[in-house]
Structure formats: C-alpha cells, structure tokens
Amino acid sequence: MIRAALFDMDGTLVANTPYHLRAFAIFCERYGVTDWETKLASVFGMGNDDILGLIMPDAVREKGVEALADEKEAIYREIYAPDIRPVEGLARLLGRLTQAGIRCAVGSSGCRRNVDFVLEHCAIESYFDARISGDSVSRCKPDPEIYLTAAAALGVAPAECVIFEDAPAGFEAARRAGAGRIIALATTLSREELAREKGIDRIIGTYDDLDDLAALLA
C-alpha cells in the first residue's frame, strides 16, 4: 500500500534539462572547459561534488566545489526564472494525492536553493511536507540516502513510497532505497532508453498519463 510520494526535482517536477545545459555552457566557457558535454551525460542526476569533480577538477582544486556550484546554479536560476513551469499535470496530480491522504516530499541531488526556487516559482510549495536536497545529506544519488531520508521525514517506510524519477542515478537510488513503486518520466531520456532501466514500474510522458490513481497507490 502506497502512503507517500517522493519526487526528484530536475526533469521530474520541471523539465529543466535544457536550462541546466545552457548554464553549464556559460559556466564552462568562463573556465575554459571545452569537453564537458560528454562527461556530463555520465553523471546526470548526481550531486555537484561528482559532476564538477569530473568536469573541471582543476577549478575544483583551486576554488572548491561549493563556490563553483553556487556560481553555476546562480546562472541556472537566472536564465530559467522567466520560463519556469511545472511538468504538465503535476499540480493536478499533487492535488489528487493530497485529497487521497498521500504525503509528498522532494528528494533531489540539487541544492536547497534550487529546490526552494522550483517550488516557489511553480506555486507548489504547499503540497510538500519535506524537502531533502543534496546539501542536506552526506551522499547523493545513486546512493539511496536522499530517498531514505525523505521517507523517514514523512514517517513511512520506503516500501510504502512511490518514487518519481527521470535519470539513471535516481532510478538506482530508488531501487536501493527499496521503493514500493518507481515511475519514470520521459523528460530527460527517451522511452526507449527508459525501457532498458531496471525496476521501473511505469513510464509516462506527463503526469496526466496517470489517470488511474487507485492503481498507482494500490
């Protein structure tokens, strides 16, 4: 029986991958990094420690991850703010979950400022009882700590949670956490790519595809 819903953020609450890519392009140009795109593809969904350590190790040694992450995420928020909107059907699903007594939490490898930015700008803050971000845990996805912490914050077992994700690191984190159900959104990867992932219960394009709430929560 599903008692709670845990949502990744990037690519799950918002289809923001193009804006993160634009932010990385601007950011990496500042530091003269030219080979970032191929490297980024292998760490999508992970925390900034892993991403920046792979993409620009020299800059990390010089300036530190925290300063670089703050700089990059500030670029992202600036360019995304005029266009931000939730994935289609998200607000309707959140309303239905609330009416059904299902508590919700965000479980994101992103920083807390980005989580707050998304929830506030999409006007969905009131639906979430907990916000777990990458800077509030010791290990980001694919480690399960984020989802284990989110489930604990809601007072439920991971097996009682449906987890919404879009990236391989997140799917692995959800599986390792022992999620009761995993729903994949085809926002970052294609349906064909998602079909090759293990442990996914359903692939959707938008939240409006979830027309049978009773089946989702059974």
Protein backbone atom coordinates (compact mmCIF):
# COMPACT_ATOMS: atom_id res chain seq x y z
CA MET A 1 0.00 0.00 0.00
CA ILE A 2 1.43 3.37 -1.02
CA ARG A 3 1.29 6.02 1.71
CA ALA A 4 3.68 8.66 0.34
CA ALA A 5 5.05 10.07 -2.92
CA LEU A 6 8.68 11.13 -3.33
CA PHE A 7 9.62 13.35 -6.24
CA ASP A 8 13.00 14.00 -7.78
CA MET A 9 13.20 17.62 -8.97
CA ASP A 10 15.26 18.17 -12.13
CA GLY A 11 13.42 16.56 -15.04
CA THR A 12 10.62 15.44 -12.72
CA LEU A 13 8.98 18.48 -11.18
CA VAL A 14 10.25 20.64 -14.02
CA ALA A 15 11.57 19.72 -17.47
CA ASN A 16 14.64 21.90 -16.99
CA THR A 17 17.44 19.90 -18.62
CA PRO A 18 17.93 22.41 -21.49
CA TYR A 19 18.41 25.22 -18.96
CA HIS A 20 20.97 23.27 -16.93
CA LEU A 21 22.82 22.58 -20.17
CA ARG A 22 22.77 26.27 -21.12
CA ALA A 23 24.00 27.17 -17.64
CA PHE A 24 26.84 24.63 -17.93
CA ALA A 25 27.79 26.02 -21.34
CA ILE A 26 28.04 29.56 -19.95
CA PHE A 27 29.80 28.40 -16.81
CA CYS A 28 32.34 26.15 -18.53
CA GLU A 29 33.17 28.84 -21.07
CA ARG A 30 34.17 31.09 -18.18
CA TYR A 31 36.69 28.49 -17.04
CA GLY A 32 37.90 27.41 -20.47
CA VAL A 33 36.43 23.90 -20.17
CA THR A 34 35.51 22.55 -23.60
CA ASP A 35 34.91 18.81 -23.15
CA TRP A 36 32.12 19.00 -20.57
CA GLU A 37 29.12 17.71 -22.56
CA THR A 38 30.22 14.07 -22.91
CA LYS A 39 31.33 13.94 -19.29
CA LEU A 40 28.10 15.48 -18.02
CA ALA A 41 25.98 12.80 -19.68
CA SER A 42 27.54 10.14 -17.45
CA VAL A 43 26.76 11.93 -14.17
CA PHE A 44 23.34 13.44 -14.82
CA GLY A 45 21.20 13.25 -11.69
CA MET A 46 24.17 13.16 -9.32
CA GLY A 47 25.31 15.91 -6.95
CA ASN A 48 27.60 18.80 -7.77
CA ASP A 49 30.53 17.16 -5.97
CA ASP A 50 30.51 14.34 -8.52
CA ILE A 51 29.60 16.49 -11.52
CA LEU A 52 32.10 19.30 -11.01
CA GLY A 53 34.83 16.93 -9.85
CA LEU A 54 34.59 15.15 -13.19
CA ILE A 55 34.06 18.13 -15.48
CA MET A 56 36.54 20.64 -14.04
CA PRO A 57 38.87 19.03 -11.48
CA ASP A 58 41.49 21.77 -11.79
CA ALA A 59 38.99 24.51 -10.96
CA VAL A 60 37.65 22.44 -8.06
CA ARG A 61 41.15 22.17 -6.59
CA GLU A 62 41.63 25.92 -6.99
CA LYS A 63 38.25 27.31 -5.88
CA GLY A 64 36.44 24.44 -4.17
CA VAL A 65 33.19 22.69 -5.09
CA GLU A 66 30.91 24.91 -3.02
CA ALA A 67 31.96 28.19 -4.65
CA LEU A 68 31.80 26.72 -8.14
CA ALA A 69 28.43 25.08 -7.52
CA ASP A 70 26.98 28.35 -6.21
CA GLU A 71 28.22 30.16 -9.31
CA LYS A 72 26.81 27.62 -11.75
CA GLU A 73 23.44 27.34 -10.00
CA ALA A 74 23.05 31.12 -9.89
CA ILE A 75 23.45 31.15 -13.69
CA TYR A 76 20.82 28.41 -13.99
CA ARG A 77 18.26 30.21 -11.81
CA GLU A 78 18.78 33.49 -13.66
CA ILE A 79 18.19 32.05 -17.14
CA TYR A 80 15.38 29.69 -16.07
CA ALA A 81 13.27 32.06 -13.95
CA PRO A 82 11.42 33.71 -16.88
CA ASP A 83 10.38 30.33 -18.37
CA ILE A 84 9.89 28.04 -15.38
CA ARG A 85 6.74 25.94 -15.17
CA PRO A 86 5.93 22.51 -13.75
CA VAL A 87 5.74 19.35 -15.82
CA GLU A 88 2.29 19.08 -17.37
CA GLY A 89 -0.28 17.66 -14.98
CA LEU A 90 1.93 17.90 -11.88
CA ALA A 91 -0.26 20.33 -9.93
CA ARG A 92 -3.34 18.26 -10.69
CA LEU A 93 -1.62 15.07 -9.52
CA LEU A 94 -0.38 16.75 -6.34
CA GLY A 95 -3.91 17.89 -5.60
CA ARG A 96 -5.28 14.39 -6.11
CA LEU A 97 -2.58 12.88 -3.91
CA THR A 98 -3.35 15.37 -1.16
CA GLN A 99 -7.06 14.57 -1.34
CA ALA A 100 -6.19 10.87 -1.08
CA GLY A 101 -4.16 11.49 2.10
CA ILE A 102 -0.81 10.82 0.41
CA ARG A 103 2.03 12.92 1.83
CA CYS A 104 4.68 14.22 -0.56
CA ALA A 105 8.38 15.06 -0.35
CA VAL A 106 11.08 16.28 -2.70
CA GLY A 107 14.22 14.13 -2.86
CA SER A 108 16.75 15.91 -5.06
CA SER A 109 20.52 15.88 -5.52
CA GLY A 110 20.16 19.58 -6.31
CA CYS A 111 20.95 22.26 -3.75
CA ARG A 112 18.31 23.59 -1.36
CA ARG A 113 18.21 26.99 -3.07
CA ASN A 114 17.25 25.30 -6.34
CA VAL A 115 14.59 23.18 -4.62
CA ASP A 116 13.06 26.27 -3.00
CA PHE A 117 13.33 28.16 -6.30
CA VAL A 118 11.36 25.49 -8.17
CA LEU A 119 8.65 25.01 -5.55
CA GLU A 120 8.12 28.74 -5.11
CA HIS A 121 8.12 29.68 -8.78
CA CYS A 122 5.80 26.79 -9.68
CA ALA A 123 3.46 27.63 -6.74
CA ILE A 124 3.51 24.04 -5.43
CA GLU A 125 5.16 24.59 -2.03
CA SER A 126 2.05 23.73 -0.03
CA TYR A 127 1.90 20.17 -1.38
CA PHE A 128 5.26 19.10 0.07
CA ASP A 129 5.76 18.12 3.70
CA ALA A 130 9.53 17.64 3.37
CA ARG A 131 12.35 18.86 1.15
CA ILE A 132 15.52 16.77 1.03
CA SER A 133 18.30 18.29 -1.06
CA GLY A 134 21.81 17.26 -1.96
CA ASP A 135 23.35 19.63 0.55
CA SER A 136 21.37 18.09 3.43
CA VAL A 137 22.81 14.57 3.05
CA SER A 138 26.30 13.10 3.04
CA ARG A 139 25.85 11.05 -0.15
CA CYS A 140 23.88 11.98 -3.26
CA LYS A 141 22.27 9.69 -5.83
CA PRO A 142 22.84 6.94 -6.87
CA ASP A 143 23.26 6.35 -3.14
CA PRO A 144 19.80 5.82 -1.58
CA GLU A 145 20.36 8.25 1.32
CA ILE A 146 18.21 11.02 -0.17
CA TYR A 147 15.17 8.78 -0.56
CA LEU A 148 15.71 7.01 2.76
CA THR A 149 15.85 10.41 4.44
CA ALA A 150 12.75 11.66 2.61
CA ALA A 151 10.73 8.57 3.59
CA ALA A 152 11.85 8.93 7.20
CA ALA A 153 10.86 12.61 7.20
CA LEU A 154 7.33 11.57 6.22
CA GLY A 155 7.24 8.77 8.80
CA VAL A 156 6.84 5.96 6.26
CA ALA A 157 8.88 3.01 5.05
CA PRO A 158 10.48 3.25 1.59
CA ALA A 159 8.35 0.28 0.51
CA GLU A 160 5.30 2.45 1.14
CA CYS A 161 6.52 5.13 -1.29
CA VAL A 162 6.04 5.72 -4.98
CA ILE A 163 9.10 7.49 -6.36
CA PHE A 164 9.02 9.67 -9.47
CA GLU A 165 12.34 9.90 -11.32
CA ASP A 166 13.84 10.64 -14.72
CA ALA A 167 17.55 9.69 -14.63
CA PRO A 168 19.61 6.52 -14.12
CA ALA A 169 21.24 7.75 -10.91
CA GLY A 170 17.79 8.38 -9.48
CA PHE A 171 16.41 5.02 -10.55
CA GLU A 172 19.31 3.28 -8.85
CA ALA A 173 18.81 5.34 -5.70
CA ALA A 174 15.11 4.46 -5.66
CA ARG A 175 15.80 0.75 -6.17
CA ARG A 176 18.47 0.68 -3.47
CA ALA A 177 16.15 2.52 -1.09
CA GLY A 178 13.54 -0.23 -1.55
CA ALA A 179 10.83 1.90 -3.17
CA GLY A 180 7.40 0.34 -3.40
CA ARG A 181 6.93 1.67 -6.92
CA ILE A 182 9.09 3.62 -9.39
CA ILE A 183 7.57 5.83 -12.08
CA ALA A 184 9.85 7.15 -14.83
CA LEU A 185 9.24 10.39 -16.69
CA ALA A 186 10.39 10.61 -20.29
CA THR A 187 11.63 14.18 -19.94
CA THR A 188 15.41 13.67 -19.98
CA LEU A 189 15.67 10.24 -21.63
CA SER A 190 13.56 8.70 -24.36
CA ARG A 191 11.02 5.98 -23.66
CA GLU A 192 13.33 3.53 -25.42
CA GLU A 193 16.22 4.42 -23.11
CA LEU A 194 13.99 4.25 -20.05
CA ALA A 195 12.73 0.81 -21.08
CA ARG A 196 16.27 -0.51 -20.62
CA GLU A 197 16.38 0.62 -16.98
CA LYS A 198 15.77 -2.00 -14.29
CA GLY A 199 12.95 -1.91 -11.78
CA ILE A 200 10.75 0.76 -13.38
CA ASP A 201 7.05 0.06 -12.95
CA ARG A 202 5.74 2.56 -15.49
CA ILE A 203 7.00 5.14 -17.99
CA ILE A 204 4.99 8.33 -18.50
CA GLY A 205 5.34 11.41 -20.65
CA THR A 206 3.45 13.76 -18.32
CA TYR A 207 1.55 13.35 -15.08
CA ASP A 208 -1.73 13.43 -16.99
CA ASP A 209 -0.87 9.88 -18.09
CA LEU A 210 -1.61 8.74 -14.53
CA ASP A 211 -5.37 8.60 -14.94
CA ASP A 212 -5.91 5.70 -12.50
CA LEU A 213 -4.82 6.97 -9.10
CA ALA A 214 -6.18 3.92 -7.28
CA ALA A 215 -3.92 1.61 -9.32
CA LEU A 216 -0.92 3.85 -8.63
CA LEU A 217 -1.49 3.68 -4.88
CA ALA A 218 -2.53 0.03 -4.57
